[in-house]
């Protein structure tokens, strides 16, 4: 079983950080690749972020108003692969 990092993605060329607004899953939930994991706010909009792999979610970063740098892990998925 592999562990996959879920990172805060870069969705705009000049984006350096974002805010994790809301989780759509909780630790222990089983997800499939492409399922919506969380909402992220950028300077321009709010976006849904999808699961990069199928498996079980663990270790979620808490929602707060704090800026999170692009590329920072915000959760992990224990992959089925």
PDB file of N, CA and C in Angstrom:
ATOM      1  N   UNK A   1       0.840  -1.168   0.000  1.00  0.00           N
ATOM      2  CA  UNK A   1       0.000   0.000   0.000  1.00  0.00           C
ATOM      3  C   UNK A   1       0.892   1.241   0.000  1.00  0.00           C
ATOM      4  N   UNK A   2       0.645   2.134  -0.927  1.00  0.00           N
ATOM      5  CA  UNK A   2       1.403   3.378  -1.027  1.00  0.00           C
ATOM      6  C   UNK A   2       0.656   4.495  -0.310  1.00  0.00           C
ATOM      7  N   UNK A   3       1.412   5.489   0.166  1.00  0.00           N
ATOM      8  CA  UNK A   3       0.811   6.676   0.763  1.00  0.00           C
ATOM      9  C   UNK A   3       1.023   7.839  -0.188  1.00  0.00           C
ATOM     10  N   UNK A   4      -0.068   8.503  -0.553  1.00  0.00           N
ATOM     11  CA  UNK A   4      -0.052   9.604  -1.511  1.00  0.00           C
ATOM     12  C   UNK A   4      -0.285  10.912  -0.763  1.00  0.00           C
ATOM     13  N   UNK A   5       0.582  11.903  -0.992  1.00  0.00           N
ATOM     14  CA  UNK A   5       0.369  13.231  -0.428  1.00  0.00           C
ATOM     15  C   UNK A   5      -0.699  13.966  -1.223  1.00  0.00           C
ATOM     16  N   UNK A   6      -1.578  14.635  -0.512  1.00  0.00           N
ATOM     17  CA  UNK A   6      -2.532  15.548  -1.132  1.00  0.00           C
ATOM     18  C   UNK A   6      -1.990  16.943  -0.845  1.00  0.00           C
ATOM     19  N   UNK A   7      -1.621  17.665  -1.899  1.00  0.00           N
ATOM     20  CA  UNK A   7      -1.011  18.978  -1.709  1.00  0.00           C
ATOM     21  C   UNK A   7      -1.980  20.090  -2.105  1.00  0.00           C
ATOM     22  N   UNK A   8      -1.704  21.274  -1.601  1.00  0.00           N
ATOM     23  CA  UNK A   8      -2.437  22.448  -2.050  1.00  0.00           C
ATOM     24  C   UNK A   8      -1.917  22.759  -3.446  1.00  0.00           C
ATOM     25  N   UNK A   9      -2.787  22.639  -4.467  1.00  0.00           N
ATOM     26  CA  UNK A   9      -2.306  22.775  -5.844  1.00  0.00           C
ATOM     27  C   UNK A   9      -2.141  24.224  -6.287  1.00  0.00           C
ATOM     28  N   UNK A  10      -1.300  24.409  -7.269  1.00  0.00           N
ATOM     29  CA  UNK A  10      -1.136  25.710  -7.919  1.00  0.00           C
ATOM     30  C   UNK A  10      -2.100  25.741  -9.100  1.00  0.00           C
ATOM     31  N   UNK A  11      -3.050  26.665  -9.077  1.00  0.00           N
ATOM     32  CA  UNK A  11      -4.070  26.708 -10.124  1.00  0.00           C
ATOM     33  C   UNK A  11      -3.972  27.965 -10.987  1.00  0.00           C
ATOM     34  N   UNK A  12      -3.001  28.818 -10.675  1.00  0.00           N
ATOM     35  CA  UNK A  12      -2.800  30.044 -11.431  1.00  0.00           C
ATOM     36  C   UNK A  12      -1.292  30.321 -11.455  1.00  0.00           C
ATOM     37  N   UNK A  13      -0.804  30.880 -12.538  1.00  0.00           N
ATOM     38  CA  UNK A  13       0.642  31.094 -12.697  1.00  0.00           C
ATOM     39  C   UNK A  13       1.252  31.916 -11.567  1.00  0.00           C
ATOM     40  N   UNK A  14       0.523  32.904 -11.047  1.00  0.00           N
ATOM     41  CA  UNK A  14       1.101  33.765 -10.012  1.00  0.00           C
ATOM     42  C   UNK A  14       0.648  33.379  -8.597  1.00  0.00           C
ATOM     43  N   UNK A  15      -0.006  32.240  -8.459  1.00  0.00           N
ATOM     44  CA  UNK A  15      -0.488  31.789  -7.153  1.00  0.00           C
ATOM     45  C   UNK A  15       0.669  31.262  -6.308  1.00  0.00           C
ATOM     46  N   UNK A  16       0.785  31.782  -5.086  1.00  0.00           N
ATOM     47  CA  UNK A  16       1.819  31.327  -4.160  1.00  0.00           C
ATOM     48  C   UNK A  16       1.243  30.630  -2.933  1.00  0.00           C
ATOM     49  N   UNK A  17      -0.056  30.917  -2.640  1.00  0.00           N
ATOM     50  CA  UNK A  17      -0.692  30.319  -1.474  1.00  0.00           C
ATOM     51  C   UNK A  17      -2.209  30.331  -1.657  1.00  0.00           C
ATOM     52  N   UNK A  18      -2.892  29.630  -0.761  1.00  0.00           N
ATOM     53  CA  UNK A  18      -4.345  29.586  -0.763  1.00  0.00           C
ATOM     54  C   UNK A  18      -4.840  29.307   0.638  1.00  0.00           C
ATOM     55  N   UNK A  19      -6.148  29.347   0.810  1.00  0.00           N
ATOM     56  CA  UNK A  19      -6.766  29.089   2.103  1.00  0.00           C
ATOM     57  C   UNK A  19      -7.655  27.857   1.969  1.00  0.00           C
ATOM     58  N   UNK A  20      -7.474  26.912   2.865  1.00  0.00           N
ATOM     59  CA  UNK A  20      -8.305  25.715   2.899  1.00  0.00           C
ATOM     60  C   UNK A  20      -9.621  26.114   3.569  1.00  0.00           C
ATOM     61  N   UNK A  21     -10.705  26.137   2.797  1.00  0.00           N
ATOM     62  CA  UNK A  21     -11.982  26.663   3.271  1.00  0.00           C
ATOM     63  C   UNK A  21     -12.835  25.592   3.947  1.00  0.00           C
ATOM     64  N   UNK A  22     -12.957  24.411   3.332  1.00  0.00           N
ATOM     65  CA  UNK A  22     -13.829  23.363   3.882  1.00  0.00           C
ATOM     66  C   UNK A  22     -13.422  21.997   3.364  1.00  0.00           C
ATOM     67  N   UNK A  23     -13.382  21.027   4.259  1.00  0.00           N
ATOM     68  CA  UNK A  23     -13.186  19.635   3.870  1.00  0.00           C
ATOM     69  C   UNK A  23     -14.512  19.027   3.477  1.00  0.00           C
ATOM     70  N   UNK A  24     -14.525  18.212   2.444  1.00  0.00           N
ATOM     71  CA  UNK A  24     -15.708  17.463   2.013  1.00  0.00           C
ATOM     72  C   UNK A  24     -15.631  16.017   2.482  1.00  0.00           C
ATOM     73  N   UNK A  25     -14.497  15.647   3.103  1.00  0.00           N
ATOM     74  CA  UNK A  25     -14.269  14.290   3.627  1.00  0.00           C
ATOM     75  C   UNK A  25     -13.708  14.418   5.039  1.00  0.00           C
ATOM     76  N   UNK A  26     -13.632  13.283   5.720  1.00  0.00           N
ATOM     77  CA  UNK A  26     -13.004  13.262   7.044  1.00  0.00           C
ATOM     78  C   UNK A  26     -12.021  12.095   7.101  1.00  0.00           C
ATOM     79  N   UNK A  27     -11.132  12.128   8.074  1.00  0.00           N
ATOM     80  CA  UNK A  27     -10.151  11.055   8.227  1.00  0.00           C
ATOM     81  C   UNK A  27     -10.875   9.724   8.357  1.00  0.00           C
ATOM     82  N   UNK A  28     -10.393   8.729   7.636  1.00  0.00           N
ATOM     83  CA  UNK A  28     -10.988   7.402   7.646  1.00  0.00           C
ATOM     84  C   UNK A  28     -11.945   7.151   6.497  1.00  0.00           C
ATOM     85  N   UNK A  29     -12.355   8.219   5.799  1.00  0.00           N
ATOM     86  CA  UNK A  29     -13.248   8.050   4.652  1.00  0.00           C
ATOM     87  C   UNK A  29     -12.507   7.392   3.496  1.00  0.00           C
ATOM     88  N   UNK A  30     -13.212   6.549   2.772  1.00  0.00           N
ATOM     89  CA  UNK A  30     -12.674   5.952   1.548  1.00  0.00           C
ATOM     90  C   UNK A  30     -13.065   6.862   0.391  1.00  0.00           C
ATOM     91  N   UNK A  31     -12.093   7.214  -0.452  1.00  0.00           N
ATOM     92  CA  UNK A  31     -12.339   8.073  -1.610  1.00  0.00           C
ATOM     93  C   UNK A  31     -11.872   7.379  -2.873  1.00  0.00           C
ATOM     94  N   UNK A  32     -12.393   7.865  -3.990  1.00  0.00           N
ATOM     95  CA  UNK A  32     -11.960   7.391  -5.302  1.00  0.00           C
ATOM     96  C   UNK A  32     -11.259   8.547  -6.007  1.00  0.00           C
ATOM     97  N   UNK A  33     -10.305   8.234  -6.828  1.00  0.00           N
ATOM     98  CA  UNK A  33      -9.615   9.266  -7.597  1.00  0.00           C
ATOM     99  C   UNK A  33     -10.653  10.137  -8.300  1.00  0.00           C
ATOM    100  N   UNK A  34     -10.525  11.456  -8.149  1.00  0.00           N
ATOM    101  CA  UNK A  34     -11.455  12.391  -8.764  1.00  0.00           C
ATOM    102  C   UNK A  34     -12.550  12.890  -7.838  1.00  0.00           C
ATOM    103  N   UNK A  35     -12.754  12.214  -6.681  1.00  0.00           N
ATOM    104  CA  UNK A  35     -13.735  12.708  -5.707  1.00  0.00           C
ATOM    105  C   UNK A  35     -13.274  14.072  -5.187  1.00  0.00           C
ATOM    106  N   UNK A  36     -14.232  14.931  -4.850  1.00  0.00           N
ATOM    107  CA  UNK A  36     -13.895  16.244  -4.292  1.00  0.00           C
ATOM    108  C   UNK A  36     -13.464  16.058  -2.838  1.00  0.00           C
ATOM    109  N   UNK A  37     -12.257  16.580  -2.507  1.00  0.00           N
ATOM    110  CA  UNK A  37     -11.728  16.476  -1.146  1.00  0.00           C
ATOM    111  C   UNK A  37     -11.962  17.735  -0.325  1.00  0.00           C
ATOM    112  N   UNK A  38     -11.686  18.903  -0.932  1.00  0.00           N
ATOM    113  CA  UNK A  38     -11.814  20.146  -0.175  1.00  0.00           C
ATOM    114  C   UNK A  38     -12.035  21.333  -1.098  1.00  0.00           C
ATOM    115  N   UNK A  39     -12.507  22.423  -0.488  1.00  0.00           N
ATOM    116  CA  UNK A  39     -12.630  23.702  -1.172  1.00  0.00           C
ATOM    117  C   UNK A  39     -11.448  24.568  -0.768  1.00  0.00           C
ATOM    118  N   UNK A  40     -10.892  25.254  -1.752  1.00  0.00           N
ATOM    119  CA  UNK A  40      -9.727  26.103  -1.548  1.00  0.00           C
ATOM    120  C   UNK A  40     -10.037  27.483  -2.117  1.00  0.00           C
ATOM    121  N   UNK A  41      -9.647  28.492  -1.384  1.00  0.00           N
ATOM    122  CA  UNK A  41      -9.849  29.865  -1.830  1.00  0.00           C
ATOM    123  C   UNK A  41      -8.515  30.451  -2.281  1.00  0.00           C
ATOM    124  N   UNK A  42      -8.531  31.032  -3.470  1.00  0.00           N
ATOM    125  CA  UNK A  42      -7.356  31.738  -3.972  1.00  0.00           C
ATOM    126  C   UNK A  42      -7.689  33.225  -3.967  1.00  0.00           C
ATOM    127  N   UNK A  43      -6.785  34.040  -4.419  1.00  0.00           N
ATOM    128  CA  UNK A  43      -7.049  35.464  -4.495  1.00  0.00           C
ATOM    129  C   UNK A  43      -8.149  35.806  -5.476  1.00  0.00           C
ATOM    130  N   UNK A  44      -8.474  34.861  -6.358  1.00  0.00           N
ATOM    131  CA  UNK A  44      -9.436  35.129  -7.421  1.00  0.00           C
ATOM    132  C   UNK A  44     -10.753  34.372  -7.295  1.00  0.00           C
ATOM    133  N   UNK A  45     -10.759  33.204  -6.662  1.00  0.00           N
ATOM    134  CA  UNK A  45     -11.990  32.405  -6.621  1.00  0.00           C
ATOM    135  C   UNK A  45     -11.888  31.293  -5.579  1.00  0.00           C
ATOM    136  N   UNK A  46     -12.987  30.548  -5.431  1.00  0.00           N
ATOM    137  CA  UNK A  46     -13.009  29.347  -4.602  1.00  0.00           C
ATOM    138  C   UNK A  46     -13.106  28.149  -5.546  1.00  0.00           C
ATOM    139  N   UNK A  47     -12.278  27.139  -5.303  1.00  0.00           N
ATOM    140  CA  UNK A  47     -12.206  25.979  -6.192  1.00  0.00           C
ATOM    141  C   UNK A  47     -12.337  24.692  -5.400  1.00  0.00           C
ATOM    142  N   UNK A  48     -12.846  23.652  -6.066  1.00  0.00           N
ATOM    143  CA  UNK A  48     -12.886  22.313  -5.500  1.00  0.00           C
ATOM    144  C   UNK A  48     -11.619  21.576  -5.916  1.00  0.00           C
ATOM    145  N   UNK A  49     -11.037  20.825  -4.984  1.00  0.00           N
ATOM    146  CA  UNK A  49      -9.829  20.057  -5.267  1.00  0.00           C
ATOM    147  C   UNK A  49     -10.164  18.574  -5.182  1.00  0.00           C
ATOM    148  N   UNK A  50      -9.727  17.824  -6.192  1.00  0.00           N
ATOM    149  CA  UNK A  50     -10.046  16.404  -6.318  1.00  0.00           C
ATOM    150  C   UNK A  50      -8.957  15.507  -5.733  1.00  0.00           C
ATOM    151  N   UNK A  51      -9.359  14.300  -5.386  1.00  0.00           N
ATOM    152  CA  UNK A  51      -8.423  13.285  -4.890  1.00  0.00           C
ATOM    153  C   UNK A  51      -7.500  12.837  -6.023  1.00  0.00           C
ATOM    154  N   UNK A  52      -6.185  12.791  -5.776  1.00  0.00           N
ATOM    155  CA  UNK A  52      -5.255  12.347  -6.803  1.00  0.00           C
ATOM    156  C   UNK A  52      -5.175  10.821  -6.929  1.00  0.00           C
ATOM    157  N   UNK A  53      -5.795  10.099  -5.979  1.00  0.00           N
ATOM    158  CA  UNK A  53      -5.735   8.635  -5.982  1.00  0.00           C
ATOM    159  C   UNK A  53      -6.910   8.093  -5.176  1.00  0.00           C
ATOM    160  N   UNK A  54      -7.164   6.809  -5.319  1.00  0.00           N
ATOM    161  CA  UNK A  54      -8.196   6.134  -4.522  1.00  0.00           C
ATOM    162  C   UNK A  54      -7.567   5.546  -3.274  1.00  0.00           C
ATOM    163  N   UNK A  55      -8.326   5.524  -2.181  1.00  0.00           N
ATOM    164  CA  UNK A  55      -7.831   4.945  -0.942  1.00  0.00           C
ATOM    165  C   UNK A  55      -8.547   5.520   0.263  1.00  0.00           C
ATOM    166  N   UNK A  56      -7.859   5.510   1.415  1.00  0.00           N
ATOM    167  CA  UNK A  56      -8.434   5.977   2.680  1.00  0.00           C
ATOM    168  C   UNK A  56      -7.719   7.256   3.104  1.00  0.00           C
ATOM    169  N   UNK A  57      -8.507   8.275   3.449  1.00  0.00           N
ATOM    170  CA  UNK A  57      -7.981   9.583   3.868  1.00  0.00           C
ATOM    171  C   UNK A  57      -7.438   9.500   5.291  1.00  0.00           C
ATOM    172  N   UNK A  58      -6.306  10.182   5.519  1.00  0.00           N
ATOM    173  CA  UNK A  58      -5.790  10.307   6.889  1.00  0.00           C
ATOM    174  C   UNK A  58      -5.076  11.649   7.055  1.00  0.00           C
ATOM    175  N   UNK A  59      -4.945  12.078   8.294  1.00  0.00           N
ATOM    176  CA  UNK A  59      -4.171  13.260   8.683  1.00  0.00           C
ATOM    177  C   UNK A  59      -4.539  14.524   7.905  1.00  0.00           C
ATOM    178  N   UNK A  60      -5.750  15.030   8.105  1.00  0.00           N
ATOM    179  CA  UNK A  60      -6.197  16.253   7.443  1.00  0.00           C
ATOM    180  C   UNK A  60      -5.668  17.489   8.158  1.00  0.00           C
ATOM    181  N   UNK A  61      -5.248  18.483   7.393  1.00  0.00           N
ATOM    182  CA  UNK A  61      -4.884  19.783   7.951  1.00  0.00           C
ATOM    183  C   UNK A  61      -6.168  20.487   8.379  1.00  0.00           C
ATOM    184  N   UNK A  62      -6.196  21.067   9.578  1.00  0.00           N
ATOM    185  CA  UNK A  62      -7.419  21.749  10.015  1.00  0.00           C
ATOM    186  C   UNK A  62      -7.748  22.956   9.141  1.00  0.00           C
ATOM    187  N   UNK A  63      -9.054  23.226   8.993  1.00  0.00           N
ATOM    188  CA  UNK A  63      -9.516  24.416   8.278  1.00  0.00           C
ATOM    189  C   UNK A  63      -9.250  25.629   9.160  1.00  0.00           C
ATOM    190  N   UNK A  64      -8.706  26.678   8.559  1.00  0.00           N
ATOM    191  CA  UNK A  64      -8.477  27.937   9.272  1.00  0.00           C
ATOM    192  C   UNK A  64      -8.379  29.047   8.240  1.00  0.00           C
ATOM    193  N   UNK A  65      -8.229  30.256   8.691  1.00  0.00           N
ATOM    194  CA  UNK A  65      -8.082  31.388   7.775  1.00  0.00           C
ATOM    195  C   UNK A  65      -6.635  31.585   7.339  1.00  0.00           C
ATOM    196  N   UNK A  66      -5.750  30.700   7.772  1.00  0.00           N
ATOM    197  CA  UNK A  66      -4.325  30.839   7.481  1.00  0.00           C
ATOM    198  C   UNK A  66      -4.018  30.509   6.029  1.00  0.00           C
ATOM    199  N   UNK A  67      -3.118  31.282   5.447  1.00  0.00           N
ATOM    200  CA  UNK A  67      -2.624  31.008   4.097  1.00  0.00           C
ATOM    201  C   UNK A  67      -1.735  29.763   4.155  1.00  0.00           C
ATOM    202  N   UNK A  68      -1.870  28.904   3.149  1.00  0.00           N
ATOM    203  CA  UNK A  68      -1.049  27.701   3.026  1.00  0.00           C
ATOM    204  C   UNK A  68      -0.276  27.814   1.723  1.00  0.00           C
ATOM    205  N   UNK A  69       1.016  27.576   1.761  1.00  0.00           N
ATOM    206  CA  UNK A  69       1.849  27.683   0.568  1.00  0.00           C
ATOM    207  C   UNK A  69       1.500  26.583  -0.434  1.00  0.00           C
ATOM    208  N   UNK A  70       1.537  26.935  -1.714  1.00  0.00           N
ATOM    209  CA  UNK A  70       1.331  25.970  -2.792  1.00  0.00           C
ATOM    210  C   UNK A  70       2.335  24.827  -2.617  1.00  0.00           C
ATOM    211  N   UNK A  71       1.872  23.596  -2.789  1.00  0.00           N
ATOM    212  CA  UNK A  71       2.737  22.425  -2.680  1.00  0.00           C
ATOM    213  C   UNK A  71       2.812  21.840  -1.286  1.00  0.00           C
ATOM    214  N   UNK A  72       2.205  22.500  -0.299  1.00  0.00           N
ATOM    215  CA  UNK A  72       2.209  21.996   1.068  1.00  0.00           C
ATOM    216  C   UNK A  72       1.245  20.823   1.189  1.00  0.00           C
ATOM    217  N   UNK A  73       1.675  19.706   1.788  1.00  0.00           N
ATOM    218  CA  UNK A  73       0.744  18.595   2.006  1.00  0.00           C
ATOM    219  C   UNK A  73      -0.352  19.003   2.993  1.00  0.00           C
ATOM    220  N   UNK A  74      -1.619  18.694   2.652  1.00  0.00           N
ATOM    221  CA  UNK A  74      -2.745  19.011   3.532  1.00  0.00           C
ATOM    222  C   UNK A  74      -3.467  17.746   3.992  1.00  0.00           C
ATOM    223  N   UNK A  75      -3.127  16.600   3.404  1.00  0.00           N
ATOM    224  CA  UNK A  75      -3.697  15.308   3.793  1.00  0.00           C
ATOM    225  C   UNK A  75      -2.882  14.209   3.135  1.00  0.00           C
ATOM    226  N   UNK A  76      -3.178  12.982   3.506  1.00  0.00           N
ATOM    227  CA  UNK A  76      -2.543  11.826   2.886  1.00  0.00           C
ATOM    228  C   UNK A  76      -3.625  10.799   2.575  1.00  0.00           C
ATOM    229  N   UNK A  77      -3.384  10.032   1.529  1.00  0.00           N
ATOM    230  CA  UNK A  77      -4.279   8.938   1.156  1.00  0.00           C
ATOM    231  C   UNK A  77      -3.483   7.649   1.179  1.00  0.00           C
ATOM    232  N   UNK A  78      -3.952   6.695   1.984  1.00  0.00           N
ATOM    233  CA  UNK A  78      -3.368   5.345   1.942  1.00  0.00           C
ATOM    234  C   UNK A  78      -4.003   4.682   0.724  1.00  0.00           C
ATOM    235  N   UNK A  79      -3.212   4.589  -0.347  1.00  0.00           N
ATOM    236  CA  UNK A  79      -3.704   4.170  -1.656  1.00  0.00           C
ATOM    237  C   UNK A  79      -4.009   2.691  -1.724  1.00  0.00           C
ATOM    238  N   UNK A  80      -4.988   2.348  -2.563  1.00  0.00           N
ATOM    239  CA  UNK A  80      -5.327   0.949  -2.805  1.00  0.00           C
ATOM    240  C   UNK A  80      -4.305   0.267  -3.704  1.00  0.00           C
ATOM    241  N   UNK A  81      -3.474   1.040  -4.385  1.00  0.00           N
ATOM    242  CA  UNK A  81      -2.506   0.483  -5.335  1.00  0.00           C
ATOM    243  C   UNK A  81      -1.283  -0.069  -4.642  1.00  0.00           C
TER     244      UNK A  81
END
